[in-house]
Amino acid sequence: MNFLEQLDECWREMFEMFGHGEADRSAIQTKYAEFVAKIQAQVSHLPQPEQDRLMLQVVNRNAEYIALAKRDRNVLKARLGLPALSPEANRLVQVATDTAVRATVWQGISAIFRAFR
């Protein structure tokens, strides 16, 4: 159960969605919601304090990725093992990435509140 690797894979898949022109807000939100549901299902059998600890690790890493995406998407892509974008392509992807960032922020916030209930 390596949740951080699963988060990395989710971000890679979201970046891949950009490359295939699937970067609309609802697709990104759906992708991230599916990720959160999958993680929650994987920890649901654990005691609540352990669930909270694991979810907090994911939320913290996700916040780090959001900050990186806002500063420099190519740095985040490199960290995820993905090729960097050319300056021209980077500008085209910027709007789509901003959508992903917004989607993951709100989904992450929702996950925190669900995890701490």
N, C-alpha and C. Protein backbone atom coordinates (compact mmCIF):
# COMPACT_ATOMS: atom_id res chain seq x y z
N MET A 1 0.83 -1.19 0.00
CA MET A 1 0.00 0.00 0.00
C MET A 1 0.88 1.25 0.00
N ASN A 2 1.47 1.60 -1.09
CA ASN A 2 2.23 2.83 -1.13
C ASN A 2 1.38 3.92 -1.76
N PHE A 3 0.78 4.72 -0.90
CA PHE A 3 -0.16 5.74 -1.36
C PHE A 3 0.53 6.88 -2.10
N LEU A 4 1.75 7.18 -1.72
CA LEU A 4 2.46 8.27 -2.39
C LEU A 4 2.79 7.89 -3.83
N GLU A 5 3.15 6.63 -4.06
CA GLU A 5 3.37 6.18 -5.43
C GLU A 5 2.08 6.22 -6.24
N GLN A 6 0.97 5.90 -5.59
CA GLN A 6 -0.32 5.97 -6.26
C GLN A 6 -0.68 7.41 -6.61
N LEU A 7 -0.33 8.35 -5.72
CA LEU A 7 -0.56 9.77 -6.01
C LEU A 7 0.29 10.21 -7.20
N ASP A 8 1.55 9.78 -7.20
CA ASP A 8 2.43 10.10 -8.33
C ASP A 8 1.82 9.60 -9.64
N GLU A 9 1.31 8.38 -9.62
CA GLU A 9 0.71 7.80 -10.82
C GLU A 9 -0.53 8.58 -11.24
N CYS A 10 -1.31 9.02 -10.28
CA CYS A 10 -2.49 9.82 -10.60
C CYS A 10 -2.09 11.11 -11.30
N TRP A 11 -1.07 11.79 -10.79
CA TRP A 11 -0.60 13.02 -11.43
C TRP A 11 -0.05 12.73 -12.83
N ARG A 12 0.69 11.62 -12.98
CA ARG A 12 1.20 11.27 -14.31
C ARG A 12 0.03 11.09 -15.29
N GLU A 13 -0.99 10.39 -14.83
CA GLU A 13 -2.15 10.16 -15.69
C GLU A 13 -2.87 11.47 -16.02
N MET A 14 -2.92 12.39 -15.07
CA MET A 14 -3.56 13.68 -15.36
C MET A 14 -2.73 14.45 -16.40
N PHE A 15 -1.41 14.42 -16.26
CA PHE A 15 -0.57 15.06 -17.28
C PHE A 15 -0.76 14.40 -18.63
N GLU A 16 -0.89 13.08 -18.63
CA GLU A 16 -1.12 12.36 -19.89
C GLU A 16 -2.45 12.78 -20.51
N MET A 17 -3.44 13.02 -19.69
CA MET A 17 -4.74 13.48 -20.19
C MET A 17 -4.57 14.81 -20.93
N PHE A 18 -3.68 15.67 -20.43
CA PHE A 18 -3.42 16.95 -21.12
C PHE A 18 -2.90 16.69 -22.52
N GLY A 19 -2.00 15.74 -22.62
CA GLY A 19 -1.38 15.43 -23.90
C GLY A 19 -2.34 14.86 -24.92
N HIS A 20 -3.42 14.25 -24.45
CA HIS A 20 -4.41 13.68 -25.35
C HIS A 20 -5.63 14.57 -25.53
N GLY A 21 -5.54 15.81 -25.06
CA GLY A 21 -6.62 16.75 -25.25
C GLY A 21 -7.84 16.49 -24.37
N GLU A 22 -7.65 15.73 -23.27
CA GLU A 22 -8.76 15.41 -22.39
C GLU A 22 -8.72 16.26 -21.12
N ALA A 23 -8.24 17.45 -21.21
CA ALA A 23 -7.95 18.23 -20.01
C ALA A 23 -9.12 19.09 -19.54
N ASP A 24 -10.35 18.67 -19.78
CA ASP A 24 -11.44 19.48 -19.27
C ASP A 24 -11.56 19.26 -17.76
N ARG A 25 -12.13 20.24 -17.11
CA ARG A 25 -12.19 20.24 -15.65
C ARG A 25 -12.88 19.00 -15.09
N SER A 26 -13.98 18.60 -15.68
CA SER A 26 -14.72 17.46 -15.13
C SER A 26 -13.92 16.16 -15.22
N ALA A 27 -13.16 15.98 -16.28
CA ALA A 27 -12.35 14.77 -16.42
C ALA A 27 -11.27 14.72 -15.34
N ILE A 28 -10.65 15.85 -15.08
CA ILE A 28 -9.60 15.92 -14.05
C ILE A 28 -10.21 15.68 -12.67
N GLN A 29 -11.35 16.32 -12.41
CA GLN A 29 -12.02 16.14 -11.12
C GLN A 29 -12.41 14.68 -10.92
N THR A 30 -12.94 14.07 -11.96
CA THR A 30 -13.33 12.66 -11.88
C THR A 30 -12.12 11.79 -11.60
N LYS A 31 -11.03 12.03 -12.30
CA LYS A 31 -9.80 11.25 -12.11
C LYS A 31 -9.33 11.36 -10.66
N TYR A 32 -9.29 12.57 -10.13
CA TYR A 32 -8.81 12.75 -8.76
C TYR A 32 -9.80 12.18 -7.75
N ALA A 33 -11.09 12.32 -7.99
CA ALA A 33 -12.10 11.76 -7.09
C ALA A 33 -11.98 10.23 -7.04
N GLU A 34 -11.72 9.62 -8.18
CA GLU A 34 -11.52 8.17 -8.23
C GLU A 34 -10.28 7.77 -7.41
N PHE A 35 -9.24 8.56 -7.53
CA PHE A 35 -8.02 8.30 -6.76
C PHE A 35 -8.31 8.36 -5.27
N VAL A 36 -8.98 9.42 -4.83
CA VAL A 36 -9.29 9.59 -3.41
C VAL A 36 -10.16 8.44 -2.91
N ALA A 37 -11.16 8.06 -3.69
CA ALA A 37 -12.03 6.95 -3.30
C ALA A 37 -11.24 5.65 -3.18
N LYS A 38 -10.31 5.43 -4.11
CA LYS A 38 -9.49 4.22 -4.08
C LYS A 38 -8.62 4.19 -2.82
N ILE A 39 -8.02 5.32 -2.48
CA ILE A 39 -7.18 5.39 -1.28
C ILE A 39 -8.03 5.17 -0.04
N GLN A 40 -9.18 5.82 0.01
CA GLN A 40 -10.04 5.67 1.18
C GLN A 40 -10.48 4.22 1.36
N ALA A 41 -10.77 3.55 0.26
CA ALA A 41 -11.16 2.14 0.33
C ALA A 41 -10.00 1.29 0.86
N GLN A 42 -8.79 1.65 0.49
CA GLN A 42 -7.62 0.87 0.91
C GLN A 42 -7.32 1.03 2.40
N VAL A 43 -7.70 2.16 2.98
CA VAL A 43 -7.41 2.40 4.40
C VAL A 43 -8.63 2.17 5.29
N SER A 44 -9.78 1.91 4.72
CA SER A 44 -11.03 1.85 5.49
C SER A 44 -11.01 0.80 6.60
N HIS A 45 -10.23 -0.24 6.45
CA HIS A 45 -10.17 -1.30 7.46
C HIS A 45 -9.26 -0.96 8.64
N LEU A 46 -8.50 0.10 8.51
CA LEU A 46 -7.55 0.49 9.55
C LEU A 46 -8.23 1.32 10.63
N PRO A 47 -7.64 1.37 11.83
CA PRO A 47 -8.17 2.26 12.87
C PRO A 47 -8.13 3.72 12.38
N GLN A 48 -9.06 4.52 12.84
CA GLN A 48 -9.18 5.91 12.38
C GLN A 48 -7.88 6.70 12.50
N PRO A 49 -7.14 6.61 13.61
CA PRO A 49 -5.89 7.38 13.67
C PRO A 49 -4.90 7.01 12.55
N GLU A 50 -4.84 5.73 12.21
CA GLU A 50 -3.96 5.28 11.13
C GLU A 50 -4.46 5.79 9.78
N GLN A 51 -5.77 5.75 9.58
CA GLN A 51 -6.36 6.29 8.35
C GLN A 51 -5.99 7.76 8.21
N ASP A 52 -6.16 8.51 9.30
CA ASP A 52 -5.87 9.94 9.27
C ASP A 52 -4.40 10.20 8.95
N ARG A 53 -3.52 9.41 9.56
CA ARG A 53 -2.07 9.59 9.33
C ARG A 53 -1.72 9.34 7.86
N LEU A 54 -2.26 8.28 7.30
CA LEU A 54 -1.96 7.95 5.90
C LEU A 54 -2.56 8.98 4.94
N MET A 55 -3.80 9.38 5.19
CA MET A 55 -4.43 10.37 4.32
C MET A 55 -3.70 11.71 4.40
N LEU A 56 -3.21 12.06 5.58
CA LEU A 56 -2.48 13.31 5.73
C LEU A 56 -1.19 13.30 4.91
N GLN A 57 -0.52 12.15 4.84
CA GLN A 57 0.68 12.04 4.00
C GLN A 57 0.34 12.33 2.54
N VAL A 58 -0.77 11.76 2.08
CA VAL A 58 -1.19 11.97 0.69
C VAL A 58 -1.55 13.44 0.46
N VAL A 59 -2.30 14.01 1.39
CA VAL A 59 -2.72 15.41 1.25
C VAL A 59 -1.50 16.33 1.24
N ASN A 60 -0.53 16.06 2.12
CA ASN A 60 0.68 16.89 2.16
C ASN A 60 1.47 16.79 0.86
N ARG A 61 1.64 15.58 0.33
CA ARG A 61 2.37 15.41 -0.93
C ARG A 61 1.61 16.09 -2.07
N ASN A 62 0.30 15.96 -2.06
CA ASN A 62 -0.51 16.59 -3.10
C ASN A 62 -0.36 18.11 -3.04
N ALA A 63 -0.34 18.67 -1.84
CA ALA A 63 -0.15 20.11 -1.69
C ALA A 63 1.22 20.54 -2.23
N GLU A 64 2.23 19.70 -1.99
CA GLU A 64 3.56 19.97 -2.53
C GLU A 64 3.52 19.99 -4.06
N TYR A 65 2.82 19.02 -4.65
CA TYR A 65 2.72 18.96 -6.11
C TYR A 65 1.94 20.15 -6.67
N ILE A 66 0.92 20.56 -5.96
CA ILE A 66 0.14 21.72 -6.40
C ILE A 66 1.03 22.96 -6.41
N ALA A 67 1.81 23.14 -5.36
CA ALA A 67 2.72 24.28 -5.30
C ALA A 67 3.74 24.23 -6.43
N LEU A 68 4.28 23.04 -6.71
CA LEU A 68 5.23 22.89 -7.82
C LEU A 68 4.56 23.21 -9.15
N ALA A 69 3.35 22.71 -9.33
CA ALA A 69 2.63 22.95 -10.59
C ALA A 69 2.38 24.43 -10.81
N LYS A 70 2.12 25.15 -9.74
CA LYS A 70 1.89 26.59 -9.87
C LYS A 70 3.18 27.33 -10.21
N ARG A 71 4.31 26.87 -9.65
CA ARG A 71 5.59 27.52 -9.89
C ARG A 71 6.20 27.15 -11.23
N ASP A 72 6.31 25.85 -11.47
CA ASP A 72 6.99 25.39 -12.68
C ASP A 72 6.56 23.95 -12.99
N ARG A 73 5.68 23.81 -13.94
CA ARG A 73 5.14 22.49 -14.29
C ARG A 73 6.22 21.52 -14.74
N ASN A 74 7.25 22.05 -15.40
CA ASN A 74 8.32 21.16 -15.87
C ASN A 74 9.11 20.56 -14.71
N VAL A 75 9.24 21.28 -13.61
CA VAL A 75 9.91 20.73 -12.43
C VAL A 75 9.08 19.58 -11.87
N LEU A 76 7.77 19.78 -11.80
CA LEU A 76 6.90 18.71 -11.32
C LEU A 76 6.94 17.51 -12.26
N LYS A 77 6.90 17.77 -13.55
CA LYS A 77 6.97 16.67 -14.52
C LYS A 77 8.28 15.89 -14.36
N ALA A 78 9.37 16.60 -14.17
CA ALA A 78 10.66 15.93 -13.98
C ALA A 78 10.64 15.07 -12.72
N ARG A 79 10.07 15.60 -11.67
CA ARG A 79 9.98 14.83 -10.41
C ARG A 79 9.15 13.56 -10.60
N LEU A 80 8.15 13.63 -11.47
CA LEU A 80 7.30 12.48 -11.74
C LEU A 80 7.88 11.55 -12.80
N GLY A 81 9.05 11.94 -13.35
CA GLY A 81 9.69 11.11 -14.36
C GLY A 81 9.12 11.30 -15.75
N LEU A 82 8.48 12.43 -15.99
CA LEU A 82 7.89 12.72 -17.29
C LEU A 82 8.76 13.71 -18.05
N PRO A 83 8.71 13.68 -19.38
CA PRO A 83 9.50 14.65 -20.16
C PRO A 83 8.95 16.07 -20.00
N ALA A 84 9.85 17.03 -20.05
CA ALA A 84 9.46 18.44 -19.95
C ALA A 84 8.77 18.88 -21.23
N LEU A 85 7.97 19.90 -21.10
CA LEU A 85 7.30 20.49 -22.25
C LEU A 85 8.14 21.59 -22.86
N SER A 86 7.99 21.79 -24.15
CA SER A 86 8.61 22.94 -24.79
C SER A 86 7.90 24.19 -24.29
N PRO A 87 8.53 25.36 -24.39
CA PRO A 87 7.86 26.59 -23.95
C PRO A 87 6.50 26.81 -24.62
N GLU A 88 6.40 26.47 -25.90
CA GLU A 88 5.13 26.65 -26.61
C GLU A 88 4.06 25.72 -26.06
N ALA A 89 4.41 24.46 -25.89
CA ALA A 89 3.46 23.48 -25.37
C ALA A 89 3.13 23.78 -23.92
N ASN A 90 4.11 24.28 -23.17
CA ASN A 90 3.89 24.60 -21.77
C ASN A 90 2.80 25.66 -21.63
N ARG A 91 2.81 26.66 -22.51
CA ARG A 91 1.78 27.69 -22.45
C ARG A 91 0.41 27.10 -22.76
N LEU A 92 0.34 26.18 -23.71
CA LEU A 92 -0.93 25.56 -24.06
C LEU A 92 -1.48 24.70 -22.92
N VAL A 93 -0.60 24.07 -22.19
CA VAL A 93 -1.00 23.18 -21.11
C VAL A 93 -1.30 23.94 -19.83
N GLN A 94 -0.85 25.17 -19.73
CA GLN A 94 -0.98 25.93 -18.49
C GLN A 94 -2.43 26.01 -18.01
N VAL A 95 -3.35 26.31 -18.89
CA VAL A 95 -4.75 26.42 -18.49
C VAL A 95 -5.27 25.08 -18.01
N ALA A 96 -4.93 24.02 -18.70
CA ALA A 96 -5.37 22.69 -18.30
C ALA A 96 -4.78 22.30 -16.96
N THR A 97 -3.53 22.60 -16.73
CA THR A 97 -2.90 22.27 -15.46
C THR A 97 -3.52 23.07 -14.33
N ASP A 98 -3.81 24.33 -14.59
CA ASP A 98 -4.48 25.14 -13.56
C ASP A 98 -5.81 24.49 -13.16
N THR A 99 -6.50 23.94 -14.14
CA THR A 99 -7.75 23.24 -13.86
C THR A 99 -7.50 22.03 -12.97
N ALA A 100 -6.46 21.28 -13.27
CA ALA A 100 -6.13 20.10 -12.46
C ALA A 100 -5.76 20.51 -11.05
N VAL A 101 -5.02 21.58 -10.93
CA VAL A 101 -4.62 22.06 -9.61
C VAL A 101 -5.85 22.43 -8.80
N ARG A 102 -6.76 23.20 -9.41
CA ARG A 102 -7.99 23.57 -8.70
C ARG A 102 -8.79 22.33 -8.30
N ALA A 103 -8.90 21.39 -9.21
CA ALA A 103 -9.67 20.17 -8.93
C ALA A 103 -9.07 19.39 -7.78
N THR A 104 -7.74 19.23 -7.78
CA THR A 104 -7.12 18.45 -6.72
C THR A 104 -7.15 19.19 -5.39
N VAL A 105 -7.09 20.51 -5.42
CA VAL A 105 -7.19 21.27 -4.17
C VAL A 105 -8.54 20.99 -3.52
N TRP A 106 -9.60 21.16 -4.27
CA TRP A 106 -10.93 20.98 -3.69
C TRP A 106 -11.20 19.54 -3.33
N GLN A 107 -10.76 18.60 -4.14
CA GLN A 107 -10.94 17.19 -3.80
C GLN A 107 -10.11 16.84 -2.57
N GLY A 108 -8.91 17.40 -2.48
CA GLY A 108 -8.06 17.14 -1.32
C GLY A 108 -8.67 17.69 -0.04
N ILE A 109 -9.21 18.89 -0.13
CA ILE A 109 -9.88 19.48 1.04
C ILE A 109 -11.06 18.62 1.46
N SER A 110 -11.84 18.18 0.49
CA SER A 110 -12.98 17.31 0.80
C SER A 110 -12.51 16.02 1.46
N ALA A 111 -11.43 15.45 0.96
CA ALA A 111 -10.90 14.20 1.51
C ALA A 111 -10.46 14.39 2.95
N ILE A 112 -9.85 15.53 3.24
CA ILE A 112 -9.41 15.80 4.60
C ILE A 112 -10.61 15.81 5.55
N PHE A 113 -11.66 16.51 5.14
CA PHE A 113 -12.82 16.59 6.02
C PHE A 113 -13.50 15.23 6.17
N ARG A 114 -13.53 14.44 5.11
CA ARG A 114 -14.11 13.10 5.22
C ARG A 114 -13.23 12.22 6.10
N ALA A 115 -11.92 12.36 5.97
CA ALA A 115 -11.00 11.52 6.74
C ALA A 115 -11.06 11.82 8.22
N PHE A 116 -11.35 13.05 8.60
CA PHE A 116 -11.33 13.43 10.01
C PHE A 116 -12.71 13.41 10.65
N ARG A 117 -13.69 12.85 9.97
CA ARG A 117 -15.03 12.75 10.59
C ARG A 117 -15.07 11.66 11.59
